[in-house]
Amino acid sequence: MDTHTEFGQAVSHIGKDSMVRVWGGFDSMRASLLSECLEDLVATGQRRITLDVSELQFADYTAVAILVGALTRIRHRGAEAAVSPQSCGAYRVLERIDPTMARGITID
């Protein structure tokens, strides 16, 4: 597997809901950047965050651990955090670690 696959992230907002779409390869360095992005959203008042992982090509174990930690910290700060769509492999891996990630929001 090519660990140098381009990584990207984009954020969409509707009110206090945010959708963060990620794509490409996901390693620990990229996970730290995403973690900062997610925590910044909460710091600026976003209260419902859905992470769209449908276009992730791979994620290493350290990246998954960093992401789960970030989602847990978001919840401890009073925001909702979820991963979608349920049909993708990345979702299924994260759900096994934390079954509460099953909620998603829709942003048109």
PDB file of N, CA and C in Angstrom:
ATOM      1  N   MET A   1       0.837  -1.178   0.000  1.00  0.00           N
ATOM      2  CA  MET A   1       0.000   0.000   0.000  1.00  0.00           C
ATOM      3  C   MET A   1       0.879   1.237   0.000  1.00  0.00           C
ATOM      4  N   ASP A   2       0.519   2.229  -0.779  1.00  0.00           N
ATOM      5  CA  ASP A   2       1.284   3.468  -0.883  1.00  0.00           C
ATOM      6  C   ASP A   2       0.918   4.398   0.262  1.00  0.00           C
ATOM      7  N   THR A   3       1.838   4.607   1.205  1.00  0.00           N
ATOM      8  CA  THR A   3       1.562   5.466   2.356  1.00  0.00           C
ATOM      9  C   THR A   3       1.731   6.940   2.039  1.00  0.00           C
ATOM     10  N   HIS A   4       2.075   7.274   0.794  1.00  0.00           N
ATOM     11  CA  HIS A   4       2.242   8.667   0.405  1.00  0.00           C
ATOM     12  C   HIS A   4       1.058   9.175  -0.407  1.00  0.00           C
ATOM     13  N   THR A   5      -0.065   8.451  -0.367  1.00  0.00           N
ATOM     14  CA  THR A   5      -1.261   8.877  -1.062  1.00  0.00           C
ATOM     15  C   THR A   5      -1.697  10.230  -0.512  1.00  0.00           C
ATOM     16  N   GLU A   6      -2.072  11.122  -1.417  1.00  0.00           N
ATOM     17  CA  GLU A   6      -2.482  12.461  -1.011  1.00  0.00           C
ATOM     18  C   GLU A   6      -3.627  12.403  -0.015  1.00  0.00           C
ATOM     19  N   PHE A   7      -3.525  13.209   1.019  1.00  0.00           N
ATOM     20  CA  PHE A   7      -4.568  13.329   2.035  1.00  0.00           C
ATOM     21  C   PHE A   7      -5.200  14.707   1.898  1.00  0.00           C
ATOM     22  N   GLY A   8      -6.487  14.775   2.134  1.00  0.00           N
ATOM     23  CA  GLY A   8      -7.164  16.064   2.135  1.00  0.00           C
ATOM     24  C   GLY A   8      -8.325  16.055   3.092  1.00  0.00           C
ATOM     25  N   GLN A   9      -8.744  17.253   3.457  1.00  0.00           N
ATOM     26  CA  GLN A   9      -9.919  17.395   4.304  1.00  0.00           C
ATOM     27  C   GLN A   9     -10.633  18.684   3.928  1.00  0.00           C
ATOM     28  N   ALA A  10     -11.955  18.655   4.029  1.00  0.00           N
ATOM     29  CA  ALA A  10     -12.773  19.822   3.731  1.00  0.00           C
ATOM     30  C   ALA A  10     -13.898  19.886   4.753  1.00  0.00           C
ATOM     31  N   VAL A  11     -14.236  21.092   5.169  1.00  0.00           N
ATOM     32  CA  VAL A  11     -15.263  21.291   6.187  1.00  0.00           C
ATOM     33  C   VAL A  11     -16.424  22.067   5.586  1.00  0.00           C
ATOM     34  N   SER A  12     -17.645  21.582   5.846  1.00  0.00           N
ATOM     35  CA  SER A  12     -18.876  22.283   5.463  1.00  0.00           C
ATOM     36  C   SER A  12     -19.662  22.561   6.740  1.00  0.00           C
ATOM     37  N   HIS A  13     -20.310  23.724   6.813  1.00  0.00           N
ATOM     38  CA  HIS A  13     -21.076  24.107   8.003  1.00  0.00           C
ATOM     39  C   HIS A  13     -22.512  24.441   7.637  1.00  0.00           C
ATOM     40  N   ILE A  14     -23.416  24.063   8.514  1.00  0.00           N
ATOM     41  CA  ILE A  14     -24.785  24.556   8.495  1.00  0.00           C
ATOM     42  C   ILE A  14     -25.147  24.801   9.957  1.00  0.00           C
ATOM     43  N   GLY A  15     -25.235  26.065  10.316  1.00  0.00           N
ATOM     44  CA  GLY A  15     -25.508  26.402  11.705  1.00  0.00           C
ATOM     45  C   GLY A  15     -24.421  25.864  12.610  1.00  0.00           C
ATOM     46  N   LYS A  16     -24.831  25.099  13.603  1.00  0.00           N
ATOM     47  CA  LYS A  16     -23.866  24.515  14.536  1.00  0.00           C
ATOM     48  C   LYS A  16     -23.506  23.075  14.170  1.00  0.00           C
ATOM     49  N   ASP A  17     -23.866  22.659  12.953  1.00  0.00           N
ATOM     50  CA  ASP A  17     -23.517  21.331  12.447  1.00  0.00           C
ATOM     51  C   ASP A  17     -22.361  21.466  11.470  1.00  0.00           C
ATOM     52  N   SER A  18     -21.443  20.522  11.527  1.00  0.00           N
ATOM     53  CA  SER A  18     -20.312  20.507  10.599  1.00  0.00           C
ATOM     54  C   SER A  18     -20.137  19.117  10.015  1.00  0.00           C
ATOM     55  N   MET A  19     -19.771  19.084   8.743  1.00  0.00           N
ATOM     56  CA  MET A  19     -19.392  17.842   8.077  1.00  0.00           C
ATOM     57  C   MET A  19     -17.935  18.006   7.678  1.00  0.00           C
ATOM     58  N   VAL A  20     -17.098  17.085   8.141  1.00  0.00           N
ATOM     59  CA  VAL A  20     -15.679  17.096   7.788  1.00  0.00           C
ATOM     60  C   VAL A  20     -15.430  15.880   6.903  1.00  0.00           C
ATOM     61  N   ARG A  21     -15.097  16.150   5.644  1.00  0.00           N
ATOM     62  CA  ARG A  21     -14.845  15.075   4.677  1.00  0.00           C
ATOM     63  C   ARG A  21     -13.341  14.888   4.569  1.00  0.00           C
ATOM     64  N   VAL A  22     -12.900  13.637   4.670  1.00  0.00           N
ATOM     65  CA  VAL A  22     -11.474  13.331   4.531  1.00  0.00           C
ATOM     66  C   VAL A  22     -11.287  12.314   3.417  1.00  0.00           C
ATOM     67  N   TRP A  23     -10.129  12.372   2.750  1.00  0.00           N
ATOM     68  CA  TRP A  23      -9.856  11.439   1.654  1.00  0.00           C
ATOM     69  C   TRP A  23      -8.361  11.153   1.574  1.00  0.00           C
ATOM     70  N   GLY A  24      -8.052  10.062   0.895  1.00  0.00           N
ATOM     71  CA  GLY A  24      -6.656   9.686   0.670  1.00  0.00           C
ATOM     72  C   GLY A  24      -6.095   8.816   1.775  1.00  0.00           C
ATOM     73  N   GLY A  25      -4.788   8.937   1.981  1.00  0.00           N
ATOM     74  CA  GLY A  25      -4.083   8.157   2.991  1.00  0.00           C
ATOM     75  C   GLY A  25      -4.054   8.872   4.323  1.00  0.00           C
ATOM     76  N   PHE A  26      -4.196   8.117   5.391  1.00  0.00           N
ATOM     77  CA  PHE A  26      -4.365   8.683   6.727  1.00  0.00           C
ATOM     78  C   PHE A  26      -3.351   8.054   7.670  1.00  0.00           C
ATOM     79  N   ASP A  27      -2.274   8.793   7.954  1.00  0.00           N
ATOM     80  CA  ASP A  27      -1.257   8.308   8.890  1.00  0.00           C
ATOM     81  C   ASP A  27      -1.271   9.176  10.135  1.00  0.00           C
ATOM     82  N   SER A  28      -0.336   8.939  11.057  1.00  0.00           N
ATOM     83  CA  SER A  28      -0.364   9.650  12.339  1.00  0.00           C
ATOM     84  C   SER A  28      -0.170  11.155  12.193  1.00  0.00           C
ATOM     85  N   MET A  29       0.669  11.601  11.271  1.00  0.00           N
ATOM     86  CA  MET A  29       0.862  13.038  11.081  1.00  0.00           C
ATOM     87  C   MET A  29      -0.431  13.688  10.588  1.00  0.00           C
ATOM     88  N   ARG A  30      -1.067  13.050   9.627  1.00  0.00           N
ATOM     89  CA  ARG A  30      -2.315  13.584   9.085  1.00  0.00           C
ATOM     90  C   ARG A  30      -3.433  13.500  10.119  1.00  0.00           C
ATOM     91  N   ALA A  31      -3.423  12.464  10.935  1.00  0.00           N
ATOM     92  CA  ALA A  31      -4.426  12.325  11.990  1.00  0.00           C
ATOM     93  C   ALA A  31      -4.288  13.442  13.016  1.00  0.00           C
ATOM     94  N   SER A  32      -3.075  13.844  13.312  1.00  0.00           N
ATOM     95  CA  SER A  32      -2.870  14.948  14.254  1.00  0.00           C
ATOM     96  C   SER A  32      -3.439  16.246  13.691  1.00  0.00           C
ATOM     97  N   LEU A  33      -3.259  16.475  12.391  1.00  0.00           N
ATOM     98  CA  LEU A  33      -3.821  17.667  11.751  1.00  0.00           C
ATOM     99  C   LEU A  33      -5.350  17.632  11.782  1.00  0.00           C
ATOM    100  N   LEU A  34      -5.931  16.466  11.499  1.00  0.00           N
ATOM    101  CA  LEU A  34      -7.380  16.330  11.540  1.00  0.00           C
ATOM    102  C   LEU A  34      -7.897  16.519  12.960  1.00  0.00           C
ATOM    103  N   SER A  35      -7.194  15.975  13.929  1.00  0.00           N
ATOM    104  CA  SER A  35      -7.573  16.128  15.330  1.00  0.00           C
ATOM    105  C   SER A  35      -7.640  17.607  15.706  1.00  0.00           C
ATOM    106  N   GLU A  36      -6.640  18.372  15.299  1.00  0.00           N
ATOM    107  CA  GLU A  36      -6.633  19.818  15.566  1.00  0.00           C
ATOM    108  C   GLU A  36      -7.829  20.494  14.906  1.00  0.00           C
ATOM    109  N   CYS A  37      -8.122  20.122  13.677  1.00  0.00           N
ATOM    110  CA  CYS A  37      -9.257  20.687  12.960  1.00  0.00           C
ATOM    111  C   CYS A  37     -10.557  20.414  13.703  1.00  0.00           C
ATOM    112  N   LEU A  38     -10.759  19.178  14.132  1.00  0.00           N
ATOM    113  CA  LEU A  38     -11.983  18.806  14.839  1.00  0.00           C
ATOM    114  C   LEU A  38     -12.114  19.565  16.152  1.00  0.00           C
ATOM    115  N   GLU A  39     -11.024  19.669  16.886  1.00  0.00           N
ATOM    116  CA  GLU A  39     -11.063  20.372  18.164  1.00  0.00           C
ATOM    117  C   GLU A  39     -11.270  21.872  17.966  1.00  0.00           C
ATOM    118  N   ASP A  40     -10.731  22.431  16.893  1.00  0.00           N
ATOM    119  CA  ASP A  40     -10.968  23.847  16.569  1.00  0.00           C
ATOM    120  C   ASP A  40     -12.444  24.102  16.269  1.00  0.00           C
ATOM    121  N   LEU A  41     -13.101  23.154  15.614  1.00  0.00           N
ATOM    122  CA  LEU A  41     -14.525  23.305  15.333  1.00  0.00           C
ATOM    123  C   LEU A  41     -15.324  23.434  16.624  1.00  0.00           C
ATOM    124  N   VAL A  42     -15.014  22.591  17.591  1.00  0.00           N
ATOM    125  CA  VAL A  42     -15.706  22.651  18.880  1.00  0.00           C
ATOM    126  C   VAL A  42     -15.401  23.974  19.582  1.00  0.00           C
ATOM    127  N   ALA A  43     -14.151  24.405  19.521  1.00  0.00           N
ATOM    128  CA  ALA A  43     -13.756  25.656  20.173  1.00  0.00           C
ATOM    129  C   ALA A  43     -14.481  26.862  19.578  1.00  0.00           C
ATOM    130  N   THR A  44     -14.898  26.766  18.308  1.00  0.00           N
ATOM    131  CA  THR A  44     -15.596  27.887  17.661  1.00  0.00           C
ATOM    132  C   THR A  44     -17.118  27.740  17.713  1.00  0.00           C
ATOM    133  N   GLY A  45     -17.609  26.773  18.492  1.00  0.00           N
ATOM    134  CA  GLY A  45     -19.047  26.664  18.715  1.00  0.00           C
ATOM    135  C   GLY A  45     -19.782  25.595  17.953  1.00  0.00           C
ATOM    136  N   GLN A  46     -19.112  24.813  17.140  1.00  0.00           N
ATOM    137  CA  GLN A  46     -19.791  23.728  16.432  1.00  0.00           C
ATOM    138  C   GLN A  46     -20.152  22.641  17.443  1.00  0.00           C
ATOM    139  N   ARG A  47     -21.385  22.190  17.427  1.00  0.00           N
ATOM    140  CA  ARG A  47     -21.858  21.233  18.425  1.00  0.00           C
ATOM    141  C   ARG A  47     -22.208  19.866  17.868  1.00  0.00           C
ATOM    142  N   ARG A  48     -22.289  19.733  16.556  1.00  0.00           N
ATOM    143  CA  ARG A  48     -22.545  18.431  15.924  1.00  0.00           C
ATOM    144  C   ARG A  48     -21.557  18.293  14.778  1.00  0.00           C
ATOM    145  N   ILE A  49     -20.695  17.316  14.892  1.00  0.00           N
ATOM    146  CA  ILE A  49     -19.656  17.107  13.886  1.00  0.00           C
ATOM    147  C   ILE A  49     -19.766  15.686  13.349  1.00  0.00           C
ATOM    148  N   THR A  50     -19.864  15.575  12.037  1.00  0.00           N
ATOM    149  CA  THR A  50     -19.847  14.266  11.394  1.00  0.00           C
ATOM    150  C   THR A  50     -18.602  14.189  10.535  1.00  0.00           C
ATOM    151  N   LEU A  51     -17.879  13.120  10.685  1.00  0.00           N
ATOM    152  CA  LEU A  51     -16.661  12.875   9.920  1.00  0.00           C
ATOM    153  C   LEU A  51     -16.989  11.890   8.811  1.00  0.00           C
ATOM    154  N   ASP A  52     -16.894  12.342   7.567  1.00  0.00           N
ATOM    155  CA  ASP A  52     -17.174  11.504   6.400  1.00  0.00           C
ATOM    156  C   ASP A  52     -15.872  10.834   5.968  1.00  0.00           C
ATOM    157  N   VAL A  53     -15.792   9.526   6.179  1.00  0.00           N
ATOM    158  CA  VAL A  53     -14.577   8.763   5.872  1.00  0.00           C
ATOM    159  C   VAL A  53     -14.743   7.891   4.625  1.00  0.00           C
ATOM    160  N   SER A  54     -15.757   8.180   3.821  1.00  0.00           N
ATOM    161  CA  SER A  54     -16.064   7.326   2.666  1.00  0.00           C
ATOM    162  C   SER A  54     -14.958   7.294   1.626  1.00  0.00           C
ATOM    163  N   GLU A  55     -14.092   8.306   1.589  1.00  0.00           N
ATOM    164  CA  GLU A  55     -13.038   8.357   0.582  1.00  0.00           C
ATOM    165  C   GLU A  55     -11.637   8.099   1.148  1.00  0.00           C
ATOM    166  N   LEU A  56     -11.564   7.620   2.387  1.00  0.00           N
ATOM    167  CA  LEU A  56     -10.249   7.250   2.923  1.00  0.00           C
ATOM    168  C   LEU A  56      -9.775   5.993   2.217  1.00  0.00           C
ATOM    169  N   GLN A  57      -8.522   6.005   1.776  1.00  0.00           N
ATOM    170  CA  GLN A  57      -7.970   4.842   1.093  1.00  0.00           C
ATOM    171  C   GLN A  57      -7.293   3.894   2.070  1.00  0.00           C
ATOM    172  N   PHE A  58      -6.711   4.425   3.122  1.00  0.00           N
ATOM    173  CA  PHE A  58      -6.139   3.602   4.178  1.00  0.00           C
ATOM    174  C   PHE A  58      -5.908   4.463   5.404  1.00  0.00           C
ATOM    175  N   ALA A  59      -5.775   3.794   6.554  1.00  0.00           N
ATOM    176  CA  ALA A  59      -5.446   4.469   7.808  1.00  0.00           C
ATOM    177  C   ALA A  59      -4.591   3.519   8.618  1.00  0.00           C
ATOM    178  N   ASP A  60      -3.486   4.030   9.167  1.00  0.00           N
ATOM    179  CA  ASP A  60      -2.680   3.160  10.018  1.00  0.00           C
ATOM    180  C   ASP A  60      -3.244   3.156  11.442  1.00  0.00           C
ATOM    181  N   TYR A  61      -2.775   2.202  12.255  1.00  0.00           N
ATOM    182  CA  TYR A  61      -3.320   2.028  13.602  1.00  0.00           C
ATOM    183  C   TYR A  61      -3.116   3.255  14.479  1.00  0.00           C
ATOM    184  N   THR A  62      -1.993   3.920  14.353  1.00  0.00           N
ATOM    185  CA  THR A  62      -1.736   5.109  15.157  1.00  0.00           C
ATOM    186  C   THR A  62      -2.714   6.210  14.784  1.00  0.00           C
ATOM    187  N   ALA A  63      -2.992   6.367  13.496  1.00  0.00           N
ATOM    188  CA  ALA A  63      -3.946   7.379  13.048  1.00  0.00           C
ATOM    189  C   ALA A  63      -5.332   7.100  13.624  1.00  0.00           C
ATOM    190  N   VAL A  64      -5.747   5.847  13.630  1.00  0.00           N
ATOM    191  CA  VAL A  64      -7.047   5.477  14.185  1.00  0.00           C
ATOM    192  C   VAL A  64      -7.094   5.822  15.672  1.00  0.00           C
ATOM    193  N   ALA A  65      -6.034   5.519  16.408  1.00  0.00           N
ATOM    194  CA  ALA A  65      -5.990   5.824  17.840  1.00  0.00           C
ATOM    195  C   ALA A  65      -6.078   7.334  18.089  1.00  0.00           C
ATOM    196  N   ILE A  66      -5.370   8.123  17.286  1.00  0.00           N
ATOM    197  CA  ILE A  66      -5.417   9.590  17.426  1.00  0.00           C
ATOM    198  C   ILE A  66      -6.828  10.093  17.144  1.00  0.00           C
ATOM    199  N   LEU A  67      -7.462   9.568  16.115  1.00  0.00           N
ATOM    200  CA  LEU A  67      -8.809   9.986  15.754  1.00  0.00           C
ATOM    201  C   LEU A  67      -9.811   9.629  16.847  1.00  0.00           C
ATOM    202  N   VAL A  68      -9.748   8.433  17.368  1.00  0.00           N
ATOM    203  CA  VAL A  68     -10.662   8.029  18.436  1.00  0.00           C
ATOM    204  C   VAL A  68     -10.468   8.933  19.655  1.00  0.00           C
ATOM    205  N   GLY A  69      -9.225   9.261  19.985  1.00  0.00           N
ATOM    206  CA  GLY A  69      -8.955  10.175  21.093  1.00  0.00           C
ATOM    207  C   GLY A  69      -9.569  11.550  20.858  1.00  0.00           C
ATOM    208  N   ALA A  70      -9.450  12.062  19.630  1.00  0.00           N
ATOM    209  CA  ALA A  70     -10.018  13.373  19.302  1.00  0.00           C
ATOM    210  C   ALA A  70     -11.541  13.346  19.414  1.00  0.00           C
ATOM    211  N   LEU A  71     -12.170  12.305  18.910  1.00  0.00           N
ATOM    212  CA  LEU A  71     -13.629  12.207  18.976  1.00  0.00           C
ATOM    213  C   LEU A  71     -14.097  12.103  20.423  1.00  0.00           C
ATOM    214  N   THR A  72     -13.353  11.397  21.246  1.00  0.00           N
ATOM    215  CA  THR A  72     -13.683  11.289  22.667  1.00  0.00           C
ATOM    216  C   THR A  72     -13.561  12.641  23.358  1.00  0.00           C
ATOM    217  N   ARG A  73     -12.506  13.393  23.081  1.00  0.00           N
ATOM    218  CA  ARG A  73     -12.328  14.729  23.685  1.00  0.00           C
ATOM    219  C   ARG A  73     -13.443  15.673  23.248  1.00  0.00           C
ATOM    220  N   ILE A  74     -13.860  15.572  21.990  1.00  0.00           N
ATOM    221  CA  ILE A  74     -14.952  16.403  21.496  1.00  0.00           C
ATOM    222  C   ILE A  74     -16.216  16.137  22.306  1.00  0.00           C
ATOM    223  N   ARG A  75     -16.516  14.878  22.528  1.00  0.00           N
ATOM    224  CA  ARG A  75     -17.717  14.518  23.305  1.00  0.00           C
ATOM    225  C   ARG A  75     -17.616  15.007  24.746  1.00  0.00           C
ATOM    226  N   HIS A  76     -16.434  14.923  25.330  1.00  0.00           N
ATOM    227  CA  HIS A  76     -16.249  15.394  26.708  1.00  0.00           C
ATOM    228  C   HIS A  76     -16.444  16.906  26.810  1.00  0.00           C
ATOM    229  N   ARG A  77     -16.285  17.606  25.713  1.00  0.00           N
ATOM    230  CA  ARG A  77     -16.483  19.060  25.694  1.00  0.00           C
ATOM    231  C   ARG A  77     -17.931  19.434  25.368  1.00  0.00           C
ATOM    232  N   GLY A  78     -18.807  18.444  25.293  1.00  0.00           N
ATOM    233  CA  GLY A  78     -20.227  18.705  25.117  1.00  0.00           C
ATOM    234  C   GLY A  78     -20.736  18.712  23.693  1.00  0.00           C
ATOM    235  N   ALA A  79     -19.925  18.341  22.736  1.00  0.00           N
ATOM    236  CA  ALA A  79     -20.360  18.285  21.344  1.00  0.00           C
ATOM    237  C   ALA A  79     -20.642  16.833  20.952  1.00  0.00           C
ATOM    238  N   GLU A  80     -21.411  16.662  19.901  1.00  0.00           N
ATOM    239  CA  GLU A  80     -21.666  15.331  19.351  1.00  0.00           C
ATOM    240  C   GLU A  80     -20.676  15.085  18.224  1.00  0.00           C
ATOM    241  N   ALA A  81     -20.176  13.869  18.141  1.00  0.00           N
ATOM    242  CA  ALA A  81     -19.250  13.504  17.071  1.00  0.00           C
ATOM    243  C   ALA A  81     -19.642  12.135  16.544  1.00  0.00           C
ATOM    244  N   ALA A  82     -19.652  12.020  15.220  1.00  0.00           N
ATOM    245  CA  ALA A  82     -20.029  10.760  14.585  1.00  0.00           C
ATOM    246  C   ALA A  82     -19.189  10.544  13.335  1.00  0.00           C
ATOM    247  N   VAL A  83     -19.168   9.297  12.883  1.00  0.00           N
ATOM    248  CA  VAL A  83     -18.444   8.920  11.675  1.00  0.00           C
ATOM    249  C   VAL A  83     -19.450   8.303  10.711  1.00  0.00           C
ATOM    250  N   SER A  84     -19.319   8.629   9.422  1.00  0.00           N
ATOM    251  CA  SER A  84     -20.207   8.060   8.414  1.00  0.00           C
ATOM    252  C   SER A  84     -19.438   7.932   7.099  1.00  0.00           C
ATOM    253  N   PRO A  85     -19.948   7.230   6.117  1.00  0.00           N
ATOM    254  CA  PRO A  85     -21.164   6.432   6.101  1.00  0.00           C
ATOM    255  C   PRO A  85     -20.915   5.047   6.700  1.00  0.00           C
ATOM    256  N   GLN A  86     -21.982   4.436   7.100  1.00  0.00           N
ATOM    257  CA  GLN A  86     -21.880   3.135   7.745  1.00  0.00           C
ATOM    258  C   GLN A  86     -21.436   2.042   6.792  1.00  0.00           C
ATOM    259  N   SER A  87     -21.512   2.285   5.514  1.00  0.00           N
ATOM    260  CA  SER A  87     -21.190   1.255   4.529  1.00  0.00           C
ATOM    261  C   SER A  87     -19.696   1.116   4.238  1.00  0.00           C
ATOM    262  N   CYS A  88     -18.862   2.030   4.719  1.00  0.00           N
ATOM    263  CA  CYS A  88     -17.443   1.970   4.354  1.00  0.00           C
ATOM    264  C   CYS A  88     -16.622   1.236   5.417  1.00  0.00           C
ATOM    265  N   GLY A  89     -15.494   0.717   4.999  1.00  0.00           N
ATOM    266  CA  GLY A  89     -14.621  -0.050   5.888  1.00  0.00           C
ATOM    267  C   GLY A  89     -14.079   0.757   7.045  1.00  0.00           C
ATOM    268  N   ALA A  90     -13.722   2.033   6.808  1.00  0.00           N
ATOM    269  CA  ALA A  90     -13.182   2.866   7.888  1.00  0.00           C
ATOM    270  C   ALA A  90     -14.213   3.048   8.992  1.00  0.00           C
ATOM    271  N   TYR A  91     -15.469   3.216   8.627  1.00  0.00           N
ATOM    272  CA  TYR A  91     -16.532   3.341   9.625  1.00  0.00           C
ATOM    273  C   TYR A  91     -16.601   2.074  10.476  1.00  0.00           C
ATOM    274  N   ARG A  92     -16.573   0.924   9.820  1.00  0.00           N
ATOM    275  CA  ARG A  92     -16.714  -0.338  10.555  1.00  0.00           C
ATOM    276  C   ARG A  92     -15.568  -0.547  11.543  1.00  0.00           C
ATOM    277  N   VAL A  93     -14.364  -0.132  11.167  1.00  0.00           N
ATOM    278  CA  VAL A  93     -13.229  -0.241  12.091  1.00  0.00           C
ATOM    279  C   VAL A  93     -13.455   0.666  13.291  1.00  0.00           C
ATOM    280  N   LEU A  94     -13.835   1.914  13.052  1.00  0.00           N
ATOM    281  CA  LEU A  94     -14.048   2.866  14.141  1.00  0.00           C
ATOM    282  C   LEU A  94     -15.230   2.465  15.015  1.00  0.00           C
ATOM    283  N   GLU A  95     -16.273   1.924  14.416  1.00  0.00           N
ATOM    284  CA  GLU A  95     -17.436   1.515  15.195  1.00  0.00           C
ATOM    285  C   GLU A  95     -17.087   0.383  16.161  1.00  0.00           C
ATOM    286  N   ARG A  96     -16.208  -0.503  15.758  1.00  0.00           N
ATOM    287  CA  ARG A  96     -15.806  -1.584  16.663  1.00  0.00           C
ATOM    288  C   ARG A  96     -15.091  -1.035  17.894  1.00  0.00           C
ATOM    289  N   ILE A  97     -14.385   0.059  17.707  1.00  0.00           N
ATOM    290  CA  ILE A  97     -13.688   0.688  18.822  1.00  0.00           C
ATOM    291  C   ILE A  97     -14.667   1.497  19.675  1.00  0.00           C
ATOM    292  N   ASP A  98     -15.606   2.208  19.013  1.00  0.00           N
ATOM    293  CA  ASP A  98     -16.545   3.076  19.713  1.00  0.00           C
ATOM    294  C   ASP A  98     -17.905   3.036  19.024  1.00  0.00           C
ATOM    295  N   PRO A  99     -18.838   2.198  19.520  1.00  0.00           N
ATOM    296  CA  PRO A  99     -20.148   2.045  18.873  1.00  0.00           C
ATOM    297  C   PRO A  99     -20.991   3.317  18.857  1.00  0.00           C
ATOM    298  N   THR A 100     -20.667   4.344  19.628  1.00  0.00           N
ATOM    299  CA  THR A 100     -21.468   5.569  19.659  1.00  0.00           C
ATOM    300  C   THR A 100     -21.238   6.448  18.442  1.00  0.00           C
ATOM    301  N   MET A 101     -20.368   6.054  17.526  1.00  0.00           N
ATOM    302  CA  MET A 101     -20.086   6.858  16.340  1.00  0.00           C
ATOM    303  C   MET A 101     -21.134   6.692  15.258  1.00  0.00           C
ATOM    304  N   ALA A 102     -22.209   6.008  15.499  1.00  0.00           N
ATOM    305  CA  ALA A 102     -23.174   5.661  14.459  1.00  0.00           C
ATOM    306  C   ALA A 102     -24.092   6.789  14.028  1.00  0.00           C
ATOM    307  N   ARG A 103     -24.099   7.904  14.676  1.00  0.00           N
ATOM    308  CA  ARG A 103     -24.976   9.011  14.293  1.00  0.00           C
ATOM    309  C   ARG A 103     -24.324   9.841  13.197  1.00  0.00           C
ATOM    310  N   GLY A 104     -25.110  10.346  12.298  1.00  0.00           N
ATOM    311  CA  GLY A 104     -24.592  11.223  11.265  1.00  0.00           C
ATOM    312  C   GLY A 104     -25.536  12.378  11.025  1.00  0.00           C
ATOM    313  N   ILE A 105     -25.066  13.431  10.396  1.00  0.00           N
ATOM    314  CA  ILE A 105     -25.908  14.562  10.029  1.00  0.00           C
ATOM    315  C   ILE A 105     -25.873  14.690   8.518  1.00  0.00           C
ATOM    316  N   THR A 106     -26.849  15.352   7.989  1.00  0.00           N
ATOM    317  CA  THR A 106     -26.919  15.559   6.548  1.00  0.00           C
ATOM    318  C   THR A 106     -26.728  17.033   6.258  1.00  0.00           C
ATOM    319  N   ILE A 107     -25.795  17.338   5.391  1.00  0.00           N
ATOM    320  CA  ILE A 107     -25.583  18.722   4.954  1.00  0.00           C
ATOM    321  C   ILE A 107     -25.781  18.753   3.460  1.00  0.00           C
ATOM    322  N   ASP A 108     -26.755  19.529   3.010  1.00  0.00           N
ATOM    323  CA  ASP A 108     -27.038  19.626   1.574  1.00  0.00           C
ATOM    324  C   ASP A 108     -26.226  20.707   0.925  1.00  0.00           C
TER     325      ASP A 108
END
